[in-house]
Amino acid sequence: MKKFISFFFLQTILIFSDINPLKSDVININNKELIELYKQDVPIVDIRTANEWMETGVIPNSHTLTFINQSGNKDINFWFSELSKLINLADPFIIICRSGNRSKSLSQKLLSKNLLNNFYNAKEGVSTWILNGGKTIEY
């Protein structure tokens, strides 16, 4: 019984702490959290298409790396190899798309393939950034 209680206690601590090595949930952030991380110079990776970047502009200093290739397919391995050329993968970063759907899908794929676990998904996307007065620059 004592071993069970100790194990249960350890599991509880791991579940509710940020040091849980088994934690594999996408960390979704809202626009307010996005702004705070942006102010701290956490890199933003915009995964929309070039047409979308041209239509709305991009968040200043963000990296543009579409998740959809010219054939309209999603290629996580290619995307991941290109990402490693843009940012330090050991540091946290933010994935953003138009509405949060593609970035959430990509986030889940990155976690399920054990490629990365130190990133945030901007769940409200660039649309909400712009709607709330966030600045963009021409692509």
Protein backbone atom coordinates (compact mmCIF):
# COMPACT_ATOMS: atom_id res chain seq x y z
CA MET A 1 0.00 0.00 0.00
CA LYS A 2 2.86 2.36 0.85
CA LYS A 3 4.46 1.79 -2.60
CA PHE A 4 1.13 2.47 -4.31
CA ILE A 5 0.69 5.75 -2.45
CA SER A 6 4.26 6.83 -3.31
CA PHE A 7 3.76 5.96 -6.98
CA PHE A 8 0.40 7.76 -7.04
CA PHE A 9 1.97 10.82 -5.43
CA LEU A 10 4.81 10.88 -7.98
CA GLN A 11 2.37 10.50 -10.90
CA THR A 12 0.25 13.35 -9.54
CA ILE A 13 3.28 15.61 -9.29
CA LEU A 14 4.35 14.78 -12.84
CA ILE A 15 0.88 15.31 -14.27
CA PHE A 16 0.53 18.77 -12.74
CA SER A 17 4.05 20.01 -13.31
CA ASP A 18 5.95 21.34 -16.30
CA ILE A 19 8.74 18.80 -15.77
CA ASN A 20 6.69 15.84 -16.91
CA PRO A 21 8.76 13.97 -19.50
CA LEU A 22 5.65 12.02 -20.53
CA LYS A 23 3.60 15.14 -21.19
CA SER A 24 2.57 15.20 -24.83
CA ASP A 25 -0.22 17.71 -25.14
CA VAL A 26 -0.19 20.60 -27.55
CA ILE A 27 0.30 23.86 -25.66
CA ASN A 28 -2.40 26.09 -27.08
CA ILE A 29 -2.06 29.81 -26.51
CA ASN A 30 -4.59 32.56 -27.04
CA ASN A 31 -3.90 35.93 -28.64
CA LYS A 32 -3.02 37.59 -25.32
CA GLU A 33 -0.43 34.88 -24.60
CA LEU A 34 0.85 35.16 -28.17
CA ILE A 35 1.45 38.88 -27.66
CA GLU A 36 3.35 38.26 -24.42
CA LEU A 37 5.58 35.60 -26.00
CA TYR A 38 6.12 37.83 -29.05
CA LYS A 39 7.31 40.63 -26.74
CA GLN A 40 9.80 38.14 -25.29
CA ASP A 41 11.16 37.46 -28.80
CA VAL A 42 9.91 33.88 -28.95
CA PRO A 43 10.14 33.03 -32.67
CA ILE A 44 6.91 32.72 -34.66
CA VAL A 45 6.69 30.27 -37.56
CA ASP A 46 3.82 31.13 -39.93
CA ILE A 47 2.74 27.97 -41.77
CA ARG A 48 0.17 29.55 -44.09
CA THR A 49 0.56 29.61 -47.86
CA ALA A 50 2.33 32.35 -49.84
CA ASN A 51 -1.04 33.60 -51.11
CA GLU A 52 -2.23 34.03 -47.53
CA TRP A 53 0.96 35.85 -46.56
CA MET A 54 0.49 38.24 -49.49
CA GLU A 55 -3.18 38.77 -48.66
CA THR A 56 -2.78 39.76 -45.00
CA GLY A 57 0.92 40.34 -44.54
CA VAL A 58 2.92 38.58 -41.84
CA ILE A 59 3.70 39.33 -38.22
CA PRO A 60 6.97 41.30 -38.12
CA ASN A 61 10.07 39.12 -37.59
CA SER A 62 8.08 35.90 -38.08
CA HIS A 63 9.43 33.05 -40.17
CA THR A 64 7.35 31.92 -43.14
CA LEU A 65 7.42 28.20 -43.76
CA THR A 66 4.29 26.80 -45.36
CA PHE A 67 3.15 23.36 -44.27
CA ILE A 68 1.41 22.73 -47.60
CA ASN A 69 3.62 22.05 -50.62
CA GLN A 70 2.93 23.17 -54.19
CA SER A 71 0.90 20.01 -54.84
CA GLY A 72 -1.39 20.83 -51.91
CA ASN A 73 0.03 18.05 -49.75
CA LYS A 74 1.36 18.17 -46.22
CA ASP A 75 4.93 16.92 -45.89
CA ILE A 76 6.00 17.00 -42.24
CA ASN A 77 9.48 15.60 -42.86
CA PHE A 78 10.35 18.27 -45.43
CA TRP A 79 8.79 20.98 -43.26
CA PHE A 80 10.74 19.81 -40.22
CA SER A 81 14.06 19.77 -42.10
CA GLU A 82 13.42 23.32 -43.38
CA LEU A 83 12.42 24.48 -39.90
CA SER A 84 15.78 23.38 -38.53
CA LYS A 85 17.42 25.84 -40.95
CA LEU A 86 15.33 28.76 -39.64
CA ILE A 87 15.34 28.45 -35.87
CA ASN A 88 17.14 26.75 -33.02
CA LEU A 89 14.96 23.69 -32.37
CA ALA A 90 16.15 23.52 -28.77
CA ASP A 91 14.39 26.81 -28.01
CA PRO A 92 10.63 27.33 -27.70
CA PHE A 93 8.77 28.76 -30.69
CA ILE A 94 5.21 29.49 -31.82
CA ILE A 95 3.37 27.88 -34.75
CA ILE A 96 0.66 30.03 -36.32
CA CYS A 97 -1.72 29.77 -39.28
CA ARG A 98 -4.84 31.68 -40.31
CA SER A 99 -7.31 30.32 -37.74
CA GLY A 100 -5.43 27.80 -35.60
CA ASN A 101 -6.64 24.64 -37.35
CA ARG A 102 -3.58 23.84 -39.47
CA SER A 103 -1.18 24.81 -36.70
CA LYS A 104 -3.00 22.52 -34.28
CA SER A 105 -2.87 19.67 -36.79
CA LEU A 106 0.84 20.22 -37.35
CA SER A 107 1.46 20.47 -33.61
CA GLN A 108 -0.23 17.14 -33.01
CA LYS A 109 1.82 15.52 -35.78
CA LEU A 110 5.08 16.88 -34.36
CA LEU A 111 4.23 15.46 -30.96
CA SER A 112 2.99 12.10 -32.23
CA LYS A 113 6.16 11.59 -34.27
CA ASN A 114 8.29 12.71 -31.29
CA LEU A 115 9.93 15.37 -33.45
CA LEU A 116 9.46 18.31 -31.06
CA ASN A 117 7.76 19.18 -27.80
CA ASN A 118 8.90 22.73 -27.01
CA PHE A 119 6.51 24.83 -29.03
CA TYR A 120 3.20 26.64 -28.77
CA ASN A 121 0.17 26.55 -31.04
CA ALA A 122 -1.42 29.96 -31.60
CA LYS A 123 -4.96 28.59 -31.42
CA GLU A 124 -6.63 31.78 -32.65
CA GLY A 125 -4.32 32.35 -35.60
CA VAL A 126 -3.28 35.41 -37.55
CA SER A 127 -6.93 36.37 -38.12
CA THR A 128 -7.39 37.13 -34.43
CA TRP A 129 -3.99 38.83 -34.25
CA ILE A 130 -5.12 41.24 -36.98
CA LEU A 131 -8.66 41.60 -35.58
CA ASN A 132 -7.19 42.72 -32.25
CA GLY A 133 -4.96 45.34 -33.88
CA GLY A 134 -1.76 43.29 -34.20
CA LYS A 135 0.60 44.67 -36.83
CA THR A 136 1.60 42.86 -39.99
CA ILE A 137 4.09 43.75 -42.68
CA GLU A 138 4.01 43.06 -46.41
CA TYR A 139 5.25 39.70 -47.53
